Structures are given as structure tokens and as C-alpha cells.
Amino acid sequence: MFGLIPREEAFFELFKKAAHNMIEGSRLLAAMMKDLRSPVDQAKRIKEVEHVGDSITHEIALRLNQTFITPIDREDIHDLASALDDILDVAEAIADRFVLYKVTKPTDMAVKLADILYQASVAVGQGVDRLGMAHPEIKECSVQVNSLENEADRVSRDAISELFDKETDPIAVIKWKEIYEGFEAGTDRCEDVANILERISLKHH
């Protein structure tokens, strides 16, 4: 019977794998914003990372179905895996928009928002690495993510305000508003992960 129960570390290692893959996707998106050399190829690379993320999420779900006793609540395992995947989905969607809308040059605001999303992703990864530690360890990462999410909200609002003030092409307004809101959604998803990590740490310590 005991042989049927995987070691607790298995889920934690898969979460770390998912988090660090997600960070790579955010890093590639930030690099794409700083140097938009070949949007199609750059978006394709992010899509490949997103596919890896889907595989890890599937592996977590499969293991969850096969595991009799889990190290943390089943609901929390499912929610954490899904929320990590959501961040990567947003990064992939943003990159895809640049190809779809044939954007040739990112705005300074897009560069800034991509960098904030990357920083938030790194903070999320640090939180996942600390899964199983005492609550203050997780709380530190959560505070950092929350601060970055607030900054993304502010920058996104400023960017959209500037867009309506200065851009005369209505199509460009629609395109960039969607892109800016995409970045903001990405940091919102990072905050979702931070909240789930806090919830788990409070339950188990």
C-alpha cells in the first residue's frame, strides 16, 4: 500500500518546475519587448514554453488522480497548478497579439509593464520554492507580488490615459489598450498565485 503513495516532494518539485518554466516565459516576453527583432520567432518560442507548462500541469493533474494521500489539500494542488498555468497563458497571449496586430515597435509603457510582470513572476517563483516553509517566508514573497501588481495597475492606467490623450488612430487605441490590459491581467494572475500560497501556508503552519 505504501508503495502506491508517492513521496510528498513529488508535487512540490512539479510546482517548482512549473514556476520556473513560467518565469522563463515571462523573461522571454520582457526580452521581446526590449528588442522586437523577429516577433513571429519570439512569439513561437514563448508558445513552446507555454506548451511545456501545459505538459507540467497535465502531469500534476495525473499525479493528483493517482495519489491517495496528498501533502496538501487536493483543491489547493489543483488551484496552484491552474494559477501558475494562467500566468504563462497570459504571456503567450500578449506575444501573440504583437504578431496578430503586426506591431513593429513596443511602447515604453509596454517595456515597463513586461518588466514588472517578469519581476512578479520571479517573486512568485520564490514563493513556490518556499512552499512548505513557515508562513512569514511565504508572506514576504506575497507582499512583493502585491506591490508589483499595484505598480502594474498604476502604469497600465497611465498608459491607457496617455493612449487616449495622444493617439489619433482608433485602431491603434484598441490594439494597445488590449495589450496593456493583458500585462495588467498577468500581474493579477501572479497575485492569485501568491494568495493561494499564503492560503496553503496558513493551513499547514
N, C-alpha and C. Protein backbone atom coordinates (compact mmCIF):
# COMPACT_ATOMS: atom_id res chain seq x y z
N MET A 1 0.82 -1.20 0.00
CA MET A 1 0.00 0.00 0.00
C MET A 1 0.86 1.26 0.00
N PHE A 2 1.88 1.27 0.86
CA PHE A 2 2.73 2.46 0.97
C PHE A 2 3.45 2.75 -0.34
N GLY A 3 3.68 1.71 -1.13
CA GLY A 3 4.35 1.91 -2.40
C GLY A 3 3.50 2.69 -3.40
N LEU A 4 2.19 2.71 -3.16
CA LEU A 4 1.28 3.42 -4.05
C LEU A 4 1.23 4.92 -3.74
N ILE A 5 1.79 5.32 -2.62
CA ILE A 5 1.74 6.73 -2.21
C ILE A 5 3.05 7.42 -2.55
N PRO A 6 3.06 8.28 -3.57
CA PRO A 6 4.29 9.00 -3.93
C PRO A 6 4.77 9.87 -2.80
N ARG A 7 6.06 10.11 -2.76
CA ARG A 7 6.61 10.97 -1.72
C ARG A 7 6.05 12.38 -1.88
N GLU A 8 5.93 13.11 -0.77
CA GLU A 8 5.39 14.46 -0.79
C GLU A 8 6.16 15.38 -1.72
N GLU A 9 7.46 15.15 -1.81
CA GLU A 9 8.30 16.05 -2.60
C GLU A 9 7.90 16.09 -4.07
N ALA A 10 7.23 15.06 -4.53
CA ALA A 10 6.90 14.98 -5.96
C ALA A 10 6.06 16.17 -6.41
N PHE A 11 5.00 16.49 -5.67
CA PHE A 11 4.16 17.64 -6.04
C PHE A 11 4.94 18.94 -5.94
N PHE A 12 5.71 19.08 -4.88
CA PHE A 12 6.48 20.32 -4.69
C PHE A 12 7.48 20.53 -5.83
N GLU A 13 8.11 19.44 -6.25
CA GLU A 13 9.08 19.54 -7.34
C GLU A 13 8.39 19.90 -8.66
N LEU A 14 7.20 19.35 -8.87
CA LEU A 14 6.46 19.69 -10.08
C LEU A 14 6.02 21.16 -10.07
N PHE A 15 5.64 21.65 -8.89
CA PHE A 15 5.26 23.06 -8.78
C PHE A 15 6.47 23.96 -9.08
N LYS A 16 7.62 23.57 -8.56
CA LYS A 16 8.84 24.35 -8.84
C LYS A 16 9.16 24.34 -10.33
N LYS A 17 9.00 23.18 -10.94
CA LYS A 17 9.24 23.05 -12.37
C LYS A 17 8.29 23.95 -13.17
N ALA A 18 7.03 23.96 -12.77
CA ALA A 18 6.02 24.79 -13.44
C ALA A 18 6.33 26.27 -13.25
N ALA A 19 6.72 26.64 -12.03
CA ALA A 19 7.01 28.05 -11.72
C ALA A 19 8.21 28.56 -12.51
N HIS A 20 9.26 27.76 -12.57
CA HIS A 20 10.46 28.21 -13.26
C HIS A 20 10.28 28.22 -14.78
N ASN A 21 9.41 27.35 -15.27
CA ASN A 21 9.06 27.40 -16.69
C ASN A 21 8.25 28.66 -16.98
N MET A 22 7.35 29.01 -16.05
CA MET A 22 6.55 30.22 -16.19
C MET A 22 7.43 31.46 -16.18
N ILE A 23 8.44 31.47 -15.31
CA ILE A 23 9.39 32.59 -15.25
C ILE A 23 10.11 32.74 -16.59
N GLU A 24 10.48 31.62 -17.19
CA GLU A 24 11.15 31.66 -18.49
C GLU A 24 10.26 32.31 -19.55
N GLY A 25 8.97 31.99 -19.52
CA GLY A 25 8.03 32.60 -20.46
C GLY A 25 7.94 34.10 -20.26
N SER A 26 7.89 34.54 -19.01
CA SER A 26 7.84 35.97 -18.70
C SER A 26 9.13 36.67 -19.09
N ARG A 27 10.25 35.96 -18.89
CA ARG A 27 11.56 36.53 -19.27
C ARG A 27 11.65 36.74 -20.77
N LEU A 28 11.18 35.75 -21.52
CA LEU A 28 11.20 35.86 -22.98
C LEU A 28 10.31 36.99 -23.47
N LEU A 29 9.17 37.18 -22.79
CA LEU A 29 8.26 38.27 -23.18
C LEU A 29 8.91 39.63 -22.90
N ALA A 30 9.56 39.76 -21.75
CA ALA A 30 10.25 41.01 -21.41
C ALA A 30 11.37 41.30 -22.41
N ALA A 31 12.10 40.24 -22.81
CA ALA A 31 13.17 40.39 -23.79
C ALA A 31 12.61 40.78 -25.16
N MET A 32 11.45 40.24 -25.48
CA MET A 32 10.78 40.57 -26.74
C MET A 32 10.40 42.05 -26.78
N MET A 33 9.95 42.57 -25.65
CA MET A 33 9.57 43.98 -25.59
C MET A 33 10.79 44.90 -25.71
N LYS A 34 11.90 44.46 -25.13
CA LYS A 34 13.10 45.29 -25.17
C LYS A 34 13.78 45.26 -26.53
N ASP A 35 13.59 44.17 -27.26
CA ASP A 35 14.26 44.04 -28.57
C ASP A 35 13.38 43.20 -29.49
N LEU A 36 12.44 43.88 -30.15
CA LEU A 36 11.48 43.20 -31.02
C LEU A 36 12.12 42.95 -32.38
N ARG A 37 12.99 41.94 -32.43
CA ARG A 37 13.74 41.65 -33.65
C ARG A 37 12.91 40.86 -34.66
N SER A 38 12.32 39.78 -34.16
CA SER A 38 11.55 38.88 -35.02
C SER A 38 10.32 38.40 -34.25
N PRO A 39 9.24 39.20 -34.27
CA PRO A 39 8.05 38.89 -33.47
C PRO A 39 7.52 37.47 -33.64
N VAL A 40 7.48 36.99 -34.88
CA VAL A 40 6.95 35.64 -35.13
C VAL A 40 7.78 34.59 -34.42
N ASP A 41 9.11 34.66 -34.57
CA ASP A 41 10.00 33.68 -33.93
C ASP A 41 9.98 33.82 -32.41
N GLN A 42 9.96 35.07 -31.92
CA GLN A 42 9.95 35.30 -30.48
C GLN A 42 8.65 34.80 -29.84
N ALA A 43 7.53 35.04 -30.52
CA ALA A 43 6.24 34.56 -30.01
C ALA A 43 6.18 33.03 -30.07
N LYS A 44 6.80 32.45 -31.09
CA LYS A 44 6.82 30.99 -31.22
C LYS A 44 7.59 30.35 -30.07
N ARG A 45 8.68 30.98 -29.67
CA ARG A 45 9.48 30.46 -28.55
C ARG A 45 8.67 30.49 -27.25
N ILE A 46 7.92 31.58 -27.06
CA ILE A 46 7.08 31.69 -25.85
C ILE A 46 5.98 30.63 -25.89
N LYS A 47 5.44 30.39 -27.09
CA LYS A 47 4.41 29.36 -27.26
C LYS A 47 4.97 27.99 -26.89
N GLU A 48 6.20 27.73 -27.25
CA GLU A 48 6.84 26.45 -26.92
C GLU A 48 6.96 26.28 -25.41
N VAL A 49 7.33 27.36 -24.73
CA VAL A 49 7.43 27.33 -23.26
C VAL A 49 6.05 27.09 -22.66
N GLU A 50 5.03 27.72 -23.26
CA GLU A 50 3.65 27.55 -22.78
C GLU A 50 3.21 26.10 -22.94
N HIS A 51 3.63 25.44 -24.03
CA HIS A 51 3.30 24.02 -24.23
C HIS A 51 3.95 23.15 -23.15
N VAL A 52 5.18 23.50 -22.78
CA VAL A 52 5.86 22.77 -21.69
C VAL A 52 5.05 22.94 -20.40
N GLY A 53 4.58 24.17 -20.17
CA GLY A 53 3.76 24.44 -18.98
C GLY A 53 2.49 23.60 -18.96
N ASP A 54 1.85 23.48 -20.12
CA ASP A 54 0.64 22.65 -20.21
C ASP A 54 0.95 21.21 -19.86
N SER A 55 2.11 20.72 -20.30
CA SER A 55 2.51 19.33 -20.00
C SER A 55 2.72 19.12 -18.51
N ILE A 56 3.34 20.11 -17.86
CA ILE A 56 3.58 20.01 -16.41
C ILE A 56 2.25 20.04 -15.65
N THR A 57 1.34 20.92 -16.08
CA THR A 57 0.02 21.00 -15.45
C THR A 57 -0.72 19.67 -15.60
N HIS A 58 -0.61 19.06 -16.77
CA HIS A 58 -1.23 17.76 -17.03
C HIS A 58 -0.62 16.69 -16.12
N GLU A 59 0.69 16.75 -15.96
CA GLU A 59 1.39 15.77 -15.11
C GLU A 59 0.94 15.91 -13.65
N ILE A 60 0.75 17.15 -13.19
CA ILE A 60 0.27 17.38 -11.82
C ILE A 60 -1.14 16.80 -11.66
N ALA A 61 -2.01 17.07 -12.64
CA ALA A 61 -3.39 16.57 -12.59
C ALA A 61 -3.42 15.04 -12.58
N LEU A 62 -2.56 14.44 -13.40
CA LEU A 62 -2.49 12.98 -13.48
C LEU A 62 -2.03 12.40 -12.15
N ARG A 63 -1.00 13.00 -11.57
CA ARG A 63 -0.48 12.53 -10.29
C ARG A 63 -1.53 12.70 -9.19
N LEU A 64 -2.26 13.79 -9.27
CA LEU A 64 -3.30 14.06 -8.27
C LEU A 64 -4.37 12.97 -8.29
N ASN A 65 -4.72 12.53 -9.50
CA ASN A 65 -5.73 11.48 -9.65
C ASN A 65 -5.22 10.12 -9.18
N GLN A 66 -3.90 9.95 -9.19
CA GLN A 66 -3.31 8.65 -8.84
C GLN A 66 -2.84 8.58 -7.39
N THR A 67 -2.91 9.72 -6.69
CA THR A 67 -2.36 9.77 -5.32
C THR A 67 -3.47 9.67 -4.29
N PHE A 68 -3.31 8.75 -3.38
CA PHE A 68 -4.33 8.52 -2.34
C PHE A 68 -4.22 9.57 -1.24
N ILE A 69 -3.00 9.82 -0.77
CA ILE A 69 -2.78 10.82 0.28
C ILE A 69 -1.87 11.91 -0.30
N THR A 70 -2.35 13.14 -0.28
CA THR A 70 -1.59 14.27 -0.83
C THR A 70 -0.98 15.10 0.29
N PRO A 71 0.17 15.76 0.04
CA PRO A 71 0.84 16.53 1.09
C PRO A 71 0.07 17.78 1.50
N ILE A 72 -0.72 18.34 0.58
CA ILE A 72 -1.59 19.49 0.87
C ILE A 72 -2.97 19.17 0.27
N ASP A 73 -3.96 20.00 0.58
CA ASP A 73 -5.32 19.72 0.10
C ASP A 73 -5.36 19.59 -1.42
N ARG A 74 -6.17 18.68 -1.89
CA ARG A 74 -6.30 18.43 -3.33
C ARG A 74 -6.75 19.69 -4.07
N GLU A 75 -7.67 20.43 -3.45
CA GLU A 75 -8.16 21.67 -4.06
C GLU A 75 -7.03 22.67 -4.24
N ASP A 76 -6.15 22.75 -3.25
CA ASP A 76 -5.02 23.70 -3.33
C ASP A 76 -4.02 23.29 -4.41
N ILE A 77 -3.81 21.99 -4.56
CA ILE A 77 -2.92 21.50 -5.61
C ILE A 77 -3.48 21.88 -6.97
N HIS A 78 -4.76 21.65 -7.16
CA HIS A 78 -5.41 21.99 -8.44
C HIS A 78 -5.37 23.49 -8.70
N ASP A 79 -5.71 24.29 -7.68
CA ASP A 79 -5.75 25.75 -7.84
C ASP A 79 -4.38 26.33 -8.14
N LEU A 80 -3.35 25.83 -7.46
CA LEU A 80 -1.99 26.34 -7.65
C LEU A 80 -1.49 26.00 -9.05
N ALA A 81 -1.72 24.78 -9.48
CA ALA A 81 -1.28 24.37 -10.82
C ALA A 81 -1.97 25.21 -11.89
N SER A 82 -3.27 25.42 -11.73
CA SER A 82 -4.04 26.20 -12.71
C SER A 82 -3.60 27.65 -12.74
N ALA A 83 -3.36 28.23 -11.56
CA ALA A 83 -2.99 29.65 -11.48
C ALA A 83 -1.60 29.89 -12.07
N LEU A 84 -0.67 28.98 -11.86
CA LEU A 84 0.65 29.10 -12.47
C LEU A 84 0.54 29.03 -13.99
N ASP A 85 -0.30 28.13 -14.47
CA ASP A 85 -0.51 27.98 -15.90
C ASP A 85 -1.15 29.23 -16.50
N ASP A 86 -2.03 29.88 -15.74
CA ASP A 86 -2.71 31.09 -16.21
C ASP A 86 -1.73 32.22 -16.51
N ILE A 87 -0.69 32.37 -15.69
CA ILE A 87 0.31 33.42 -15.91
C ILE A 87 0.98 33.23 -17.26
N LEU A 88 1.36 31.99 -17.52
CA LEU A 88 2.04 31.66 -18.78
C LEU A 88 1.10 31.85 -19.97
N ASP A 89 -0.16 31.50 -19.78
CA ASP A 89 -1.16 31.69 -20.84
C ASP A 89 -1.26 33.16 -21.23
N VAL A 90 -1.24 34.04 -20.22
CA VAL A 90 -1.33 35.48 -20.47
C VAL A 90 -0.10 35.96 -21.24
N ALA A 91 1.08 35.53 -20.82
CA ALA A 91 2.32 35.92 -21.51
C ALA A 91 2.29 35.49 -22.97
N GLU A 92 1.82 34.28 -23.21
CA GLU A 92 1.73 33.76 -24.58
C GLU A 92 0.72 34.56 -25.40
N ALA A 93 -0.40 34.93 -24.77
CA ALA A 93 -1.44 35.69 -25.47
C ALA A 93 -0.95 37.09 -25.85
N ILE A 94 -0.18 37.71 -24.96
CA ILE A 94 0.37 39.04 -25.25
C ILE A 94 1.32 38.98 -26.44
N ALA A 95 2.23 38.00 -26.41
CA ALA A 95 3.18 37.84 -27.52
C ALA A 95 2.44 37.61 -28.83
N ASP A 96 1.37 36.83 -28.76
CA ASP A 96 0.57 36.53 -29.95
C ASP A 96 -0.08 37.79 -30.51
N ARG A 97 -0.49 38.69 -29.61
CA ARG A 97 -1.11 39.95 -30.05
C ARG A 97 -0.14 40.79 -30.87
N PHE A 98 1.12 40.78 -30.50
CA PHE A 98 2.12 41.56 -31.24
C PHE A 98 2.26 41.06 -32.67
N VAL A 99 2.13 39.74 -32.84
CA VAL A 99 2.19 39.16 -34.18
C VAL A 99 0.89 39.45 -34.93
N LEU A 100 -0.23 39.19 -34.26
CA LEU A 100 -1.55 39.37 -34.88
C LEU A 100 -1.78 40.81 -35.33
N TYR A 101 -1.37 41.76 -34.48
CA TYR A 101 -1.59 43.18 -34.78
C TYR A 101 -0.45 43.81 -35.56
N LYS A 102 0.55 42.98 -35.89
CA LYS A 102 1.71 43.46 -36.67
C LYS A 102 2.37 44.69 -36.03
N VAL A 103 2.56 44.63 -34.73
CA VAL A 103 3.23 45.71 -34.02
C VAL A 103 4.72 45.66 -34.36
N THR A 104 5.28 46.79 -34.74
CA THR A 104 6.70 46.82 -35.14
C THR A 104 7.60 47.39 -34.04
N LYS A 105 6.99 48.16 -33.12
CA LYS A 105 7.81 48.76 -32.05
C LYS A 105 7.00 48.87 -30.76
N PRO A 106 7.43 48.20 -29.69
CA PRO A 106 6.73 48.31 -28.42
C PRO A 106 6.85 49.74 -27.85
N THR A 107 5.86 50.17 -27.13
CA THR A 107 5.94 51.46 -26.45
C THR A 107 6.80 51.33 -25.20
N ASP A 108 7.24 52.46 -24.66
CA ASP A 108 8.00 52.45 -23.41
C ASP A 108 7.17 51.83 -22.28
N MET A 109 5.86 52.09 -22.31
CA MET A 109 4.96 51.55 -21.29
C MET A 109 4.88 50.02 -21.37
N ALA A 110 4.89 49.50 -22.60
CA ALA A 110 4.84 48.05 -22.78
C ALA A 110 6.12 47.40 -22.24
N VAL A 111 7.24 48.05 -22.49
CA VAL A 111 8.53 47.56 -21.98
C VAL A 111 8.50 47.53 -20.45
N LYS A 112 7.97 48.60 -19.88
CA LYS A 112 7.91 48.71 -18.42
C LYS A 112 6.97 47.67 -17.82
N LEU A 113 5.81 47.50 -18.43
CA LEU A 113 4.84 46.53 -17.92
C LEU A 113 5.36 45.10 -18.05
N ALA A 114 6.08 44.82 -19.12
CA ALA A 114 6.66 43.48 -19.30
C ALA A 114 7.70 43.20 -18.21
N ASP A 115 8.46 44.23 -17.86
CA ASP A 115 9.48 44.07 -16.82
C ASP A 115 8.83 43.84 -15.46
N ILE A 116 7.73 44.55 -15.19
CA ILE A 116 7.01 44.36 -13.92
C ILE A 116 6.45 42.94 -13.84
N LEU A 117 5.89 42.47 -14.96
CA LEU A 117 5.35 41.11 -14.99
C LEU A 117 6.45 40.08 -14.75
N TYR A 118 7.61 40.32 -15.33
CA TYR A 118 8.73 39.41 -15.12
C TYR A 118 9.17 39.40 -13.64
N GLN A 119 9.27 40.60 -13.05
CA GLN A 119 9.64 40.69 -11.63
C GLN A 119 8.61 39.97 -10.75
N ALA A 120 7.33 40.15 -11.07
CA ALA A 120 6.27 39.48 -10.30
C ALA A 120 6.37 37.97 -10.46
N SER A 121 6.70 37.52 -11.66
CA SER A 121 6.85 36.08 -11.92
C SER A 121 8.01 35.49 -11.11
N VAL A 122 9.09 36.23 -11.03
CA VAL A 122 10.25 35.79 -10.23
C VAL A 122 9.86 35.70 -8.75
N ALA A 123 9.12 36.69 -8.27
CA ALA A 123 8.67 36.68 -6.87
C ALA A 123 7.75 35.49 -6.61
N VAL A 124 6.89 35.20 -7.57
CA VAL A 124 6.01 34.02 -7.46
C VAL A 124 6.85 32.74 -7.38
N GLY A 125 7.87 32.67 -8.24
CA GLY A 125 8.76 31.51 -8.23
C GLY A 125 9.45 31.32 -6.89
N GLN A 126 9.85 32.43 -6.27
CA GLN A 126 10.47 32.37 -4.95
C GLN A 126 9.48 31.84 -3.91
N GLY A 127 8.22 32.25 -4.06
CA GLY A 127 7.18 31.77 -3.15
C GLY A 127 6.96 30.27 -3.31
N VAL A 128 6.93 29.81 -4.55
CA VAL A 128 6.74 28.38 -4.81
C VAL A 128 7.93 27.58 -4.28
N ASP A 129 9.13 28.11 -4.43
CA ASP A 129 10.33 27.45 -3.90
C ASP A 129 10.26 27.30 -2.38
N ARG A 130 9.53 28.21 -1.74
CA ARG A 130 9.41 28.19 -0.27
C ARG A 130 8.19 27.42 0.23
N LEU A 131 7.45 26.82 -0.69
CA LEU A 131 6.27 26.04 -0.32
C LEU A 131 6.66 24.97 0.69
N GLY A 132 5.94 24.94 1.80
CA GLY A 132 6.26 24.02 2.87
C GLY A 132 7.01 24.68 4.01
N MET A 133 7.48 25.92 3.78
CA MET A 133 8.15 26.68 4.85
C MET A 133 7.12 27.43 5.70
N ALA A 134 7.60 28.09 6.73
CA ALA A 134 6.72 28.84 7.63
C ALA A 134 6.06 30.01 6.91
N HIS A 135 4.92 30.43 7.43
CA HIS A 135 4.12 31.48 6.79
C HIS A 135 4.89 32.77 6.51
N PRO A 136 5.73 33.28 7.44
CA PRO A 136 6.46 34.53 7.14
C PRO A 136 7.32 34.46 5.89
N GLU A 137 7.85 33.27 5.58
CA GLU A 137 8.67 33.09 4.38
C GLU A 137 7.83 33.30 3.12
N ILE A 138 6.61 32.78 3.15
CA ILE A 138 5.69 32.93 2.02
C ILE A 138 5.15 34.35 1.96
N LYS A 139 4.86 34.91 3.12
CA LYS A 139 4.28 36.26 3.21
C LYS A 139 5.20 37.29 2.57
N GLU A 140 6.50 37.13 2.75
CA GLU A 140 7.48 38.06 2.18
C GLU A 140 7.34 38.14 0.66
N CYS A 141 7.19 36.99 0.02
CA CYS A 141 7.01 36.95 -1.44
C CYS A 141 5.66 37.54 -1.84
N SER A 142 4.65 37.25 -1.03
CA SER A 142 3.31 37.74 -1.32
C SER A 142 3.24 39.26 -1.28
N VAL A 143 3.91 39.85 -0.32
CA VAL A 143 3.96 41.32 -0.20
C VAL A 143 4.62 41.92 -1.43
N GLN A 144 5.70 41.29 -1.88
CA GLN A 144 6.43 41.77 -3.06
C GLN A 144 5.55 41.69 -4.31
N VAL A 145 4.84 40.58 -4.48
CA VAL A 145 3.95 40.41 -5.63
C VAL A 145 2.83 41.45 -5.59
N ASN A 146 2.27 41.67 -4.41
CA ASN A 146 1.19 42.65 -4.26
C ASN A 146 1.65 44.05 -4.64
N SER A 147 2.86 44.39 -4.23
CA SER A 147 3.43 45.70 -4.55
C SER A 147 3.61 45.86 -6.06
N LEU A 148 4.10 44.80 -6.72
CA LEU A 148 4.31 44.84 -8.17
C LEU A 148 2.98 44.89 -8.91
N GLU A 149 1.97 44.22 -8.38
CA GLU A 149 0.64 44.24 -9.00
C GLU A 149 0.06 45.64 -8.94
N ASN A 150 0.25 46.32 -7.80
CA ASN A 150 -0.21 47.70 -7.66
C ASN A 150 0.51 48.63 -8.64
N GLU A 151 1.81 48.38 -8.81
CA GLU A 151 2.60 49.19 -9.74
C GLU A 151 2.12 48.96 -11.18
N ALA A 152 1.82 47.71 -11.52
CA ALA A 152 1.32 47.40 -12.86
C ALA A 152 -0.03 48.09 -13.11
N ASP A 153 -0.88 48.11 -12.11
CA ASP A 153 -2.16 48.79 -12.23
C ASP A 153 -1.95 50.27 -12.54
N ARG A 154 -1.04 50.88 -11.81
CA ARG A 154 -0.77 52.32 -11.98
C ARG A 154 -0.20 52.61 -13.36
N VAL A 155 0.80 51.82 -13.77
CA VAL A 155 1.44 52.03 -15.08
C VAL A 155 0.43 51.79 -16.20
N SER A 156 -0.40 50.77 -16.05
CA SER A 156 -1.40 50.45 -17.07
C SER A 156 -2.42 51.58 -17.20
N ARG A 157 -2.85 52.11 -16.07
CA ARG A 157 -3.79 53.25 -16.11
C ARG A 157 -3.17 54.45 -16.80
N ASP A 158 -1.92 54.74 -16.44
CA ASP A 158 -1.21 55.87 -17.06
C ASP A 158 -1.05 55.64 -18.57
N ALA A 159 -0.73 54.41 -18.93
CA ALA A 159 -0.51 54.09 -20.35
C ALA A 159 -1.80 54.27 -21.16
N ILE A 160 -2.91 53.79 -20.61
CA ILE A 160 -4.19 53.90 -21.31
C ILE A 160 -4.65 55.36 -21.37
N SER A 161 -4.41 56.10 -20.29
CA SER A 161 -4.74 57.52 -20.27
C SER A 161 -3.96 58.28 -21.35
N GLU A 162 -2.67 57.98 -21.43
CA GLU A 162 -1.81 58.61 -22.44
C GLU A 162 -2.25 58.22 -23.85
N LEU A 163 -2.67 56.99 -23.98
CA LEU A 163 -3.14 56.48 -25.27
C LEU A 163 -4.34 57.29 -25.78
N PHE A 164 -5.30 57.51 -24.91
CA PHE A 164 -6.49 58.27 -25.31
C PHE A 164 -6.19 59.75 -25.54
N ASP A 165 -5.16 60.25 -24.84
CA ASP A 165 -4.79 61.66 -24.99
C ASP A 165 -4.04 61.93 -26.29
N LYS A 166 -3.15 61.01 -26.67
CA LYS A 166 -2.20 61.28 -27.75
C LYS A 166 -2.42 60.51 -29.05
N GLU A 167 -3.00 59.32 -28.96
CA GLU A 167 -3.15 58.50 -30.17
C GLU A 167 -4.41 58.92 -30.95
N THR A 168 -4.23 59.21 -32.23
CA THR A 168 -5.34 59.66 -33.06
C THR A 168 -5.97 58.53 -33.88
N ASP A 169 -5.24 57.42 -34.01
CA ASP A 169 -5.75 56.28 -34.78
C ASP A 169 -6.59 55.39 -33.86
N PRO A 170 -7.91 55.29 -34.08
CA PRO A 170 -8.76 54.49 -33.18
C PRO A 170 -8.40 53.00 -33.15
N ILE A 171 -7.90 52.50 -34.28
CA ILE A 171 -7.49 51.09 -34.32
C ILE A 171 -6.28 50.86 -33.41
N ALA A 172 -5.34 51.79 -33.45
CA ALA A 172 -4.16 51.70 -32.58
C ALA A 172 -4.56 51.76 -31.12
N VAL A 173 -5.55 52.59 -30.81
CA VAL A 173 -6.05 52.69 -29.43
C VAL A 173 -6.58 51.34 -28.96
N ILE A 174 -7.38 50.70 -29.81
CA ILE A 174 -7.96 49.39 -29.46
C ILE A 174 -6.86 48.35 -29.24
N LYS A 175 -5.88 48.32 -30.15
CA LYS A 175 -4.79 47.34 -30.06
C LYS A 175 -4.00 47.51 -28.77
N TRP A 176 -3.54 48.74 -28.52
CA TRP A 176 -2.66 48.97 -27.37
C TRP A 176 -3.41 48.86 -26.04
N LYS A 177 -4.67 49.24 -26.02
CA LYS A 177 -5.46 49.10 -24.79
C LYS A 177 -5.56 47.62 -24.41
N GLU A 178 -5.78 46.77 -25.40
CA GLU A 178 -5.86 45.33 -25.15
C GLU A 178 -4.52 44.78 -24.65
N ILE A 179 -3.44 45.25 -25.26
CA ILE A 179 -2.11 44.79 -24.85
C ILE A 179 -1.80 45.23 -23.41
N TYR A 180 -2.06 46.49 -23.11
CA TYR A 180 -1.81 46.99 -21.75
C TYR A 180 -2.63 46.23 -20.71
N GLU A 181 -3.89 45.99 -21.04
CA GLU A 181 -4.75 45.25 -20.12
C GLU A 181 -4.29 43.81 -19.96
N GLY A 182 -3.66 43.28 -21.01
CA GLY A 182 -3.10 41.93 -20.92
C GLY A 182 -1.97 41.85 -19.90
N PHE A 183 -1.09 42.84 -19.93
CA PHE A 183 0.00 42.88 -18.95
C PHE A 183 -0.54 42.99 -17.53
N GLU A 184 -1.55 43.84 -17.37
CA GLU A 184 -2.15 44.01 -16.05
C GLU A 184 -2.78 42.70 -15.57
N ALA A 185 -3.43 41.99 -16.49
CA ALA A 185 -4.03 40.69 -16.15
C ALA A 185 -2.95 39.69 -15.72
N GLY A 186 -1.78 39.77 -16.35
CA GLY A 186 -0.69 38.88 -15.98
C GLY A 186 -0.24 39.06 -14.54
N THR A 187 -0.12 40.32 -14.11
CA THR A 187 0.28 40.57 -12.72
C THR A 187 -0.86 40.22 -11.76
N ASP A 188 -2.10 40.35 -12.22
CA ASP A 188 -3.25 39.91 -11.40
C ASP A 188 -3.16 38.40 -11.15
N ARG A 189 -2.78 37.66 -12.19
CA ARG A 189 -2.65 36.19 -12.05
C ARG A 189 -1.50 35.84 -11.09
N CYS A 190 -0.44 36.66 -11.12
CA CYS A 190 0.66 36.45 -10.18
C CYS A 190 0.17 36.62 -8.75
N GLU A 191 -0.67 37.62 -8.55
CA GLU A 191 -1.23 37.86 -7.22
C GLU A 191 -2.13 36.70 -6.80
N ASP A 192 -2.85 36.11 -7.76
CA ASP A 192 -3.68 34.94 -7.46
C ASP A 192 -2.82 33.81 -6.90
N VAL A 193 -1.67 33.57 -7.53
CA VAL A 193 -0.76 32.51 -7.05
C VAL A 193 -0.27 32.83 -5.65
N ALA A 194 0.12 34.08 -5.43
CA ALA A 194 0.62 34.49 -4.11
C ALA A 194 -0.45 34.26 -3.04
N ASN A 195 -1.70 34.55 -3.36
CA ASN A 195 -2.80 34.34 -2.41
C ASN A 195 -3.00 32.85 -2.10
N ILE A 196 -2.88 32.02 -3.13
CA ILE A 196 -3.01 30.57 -2.93
C ILE A 196 -1.88 30.04 -2.05
N LEU A 197 -0.66 30.52 -2.30
CA LEU A 197 0.49 30.10 -1.49
C LEU A 197 0.31 30.49 -0.02
N GLU A 198 -0.21 31.69 0.20
CA GLU A 198 -0.48 32.13 1.58
C GLU A 198 -1.54 31.25 2.22
N ARG A 199 -2.57 30.94 1.47
CA ARG A 199 -3.65 30.09 1.98
C ARG A 199 -3.11 28.73 2.39
N ILE A 200 -2.24 28.17 1.56
CA ILE A 200 -1.66 26.86 1.87
C ILE A 200 -0.79 26.94 3.12
N SER A 201 0.04 27.99 3.20
CA SER A 201 0.96 28.10 4.34
C SER A 201 0.21 28.31 5.65
N LEU A 202 -0.90 29.04 5.61
CA LEU A 202 -1.70 29.25 6.82
C LEU A 202 -2.38 27.97 7.29
N LYS A 203 -2.77 27.13 6.34
CA LYS A 203 -3.41 25.86 6.68
C LYS A 203 -2.46 24.89 7.35
N HIS A 204 -1.20 24.94 6.94
CA HIS A 204 -0.26 23.89 7.35
C HIS A 204 0.76 24.34 8.39
N HIS A 205 0.65 25.60 8.83
CA HIS A 205 1.58 26.05 9.90
C HIS A 205 0.79 26.82 10.94
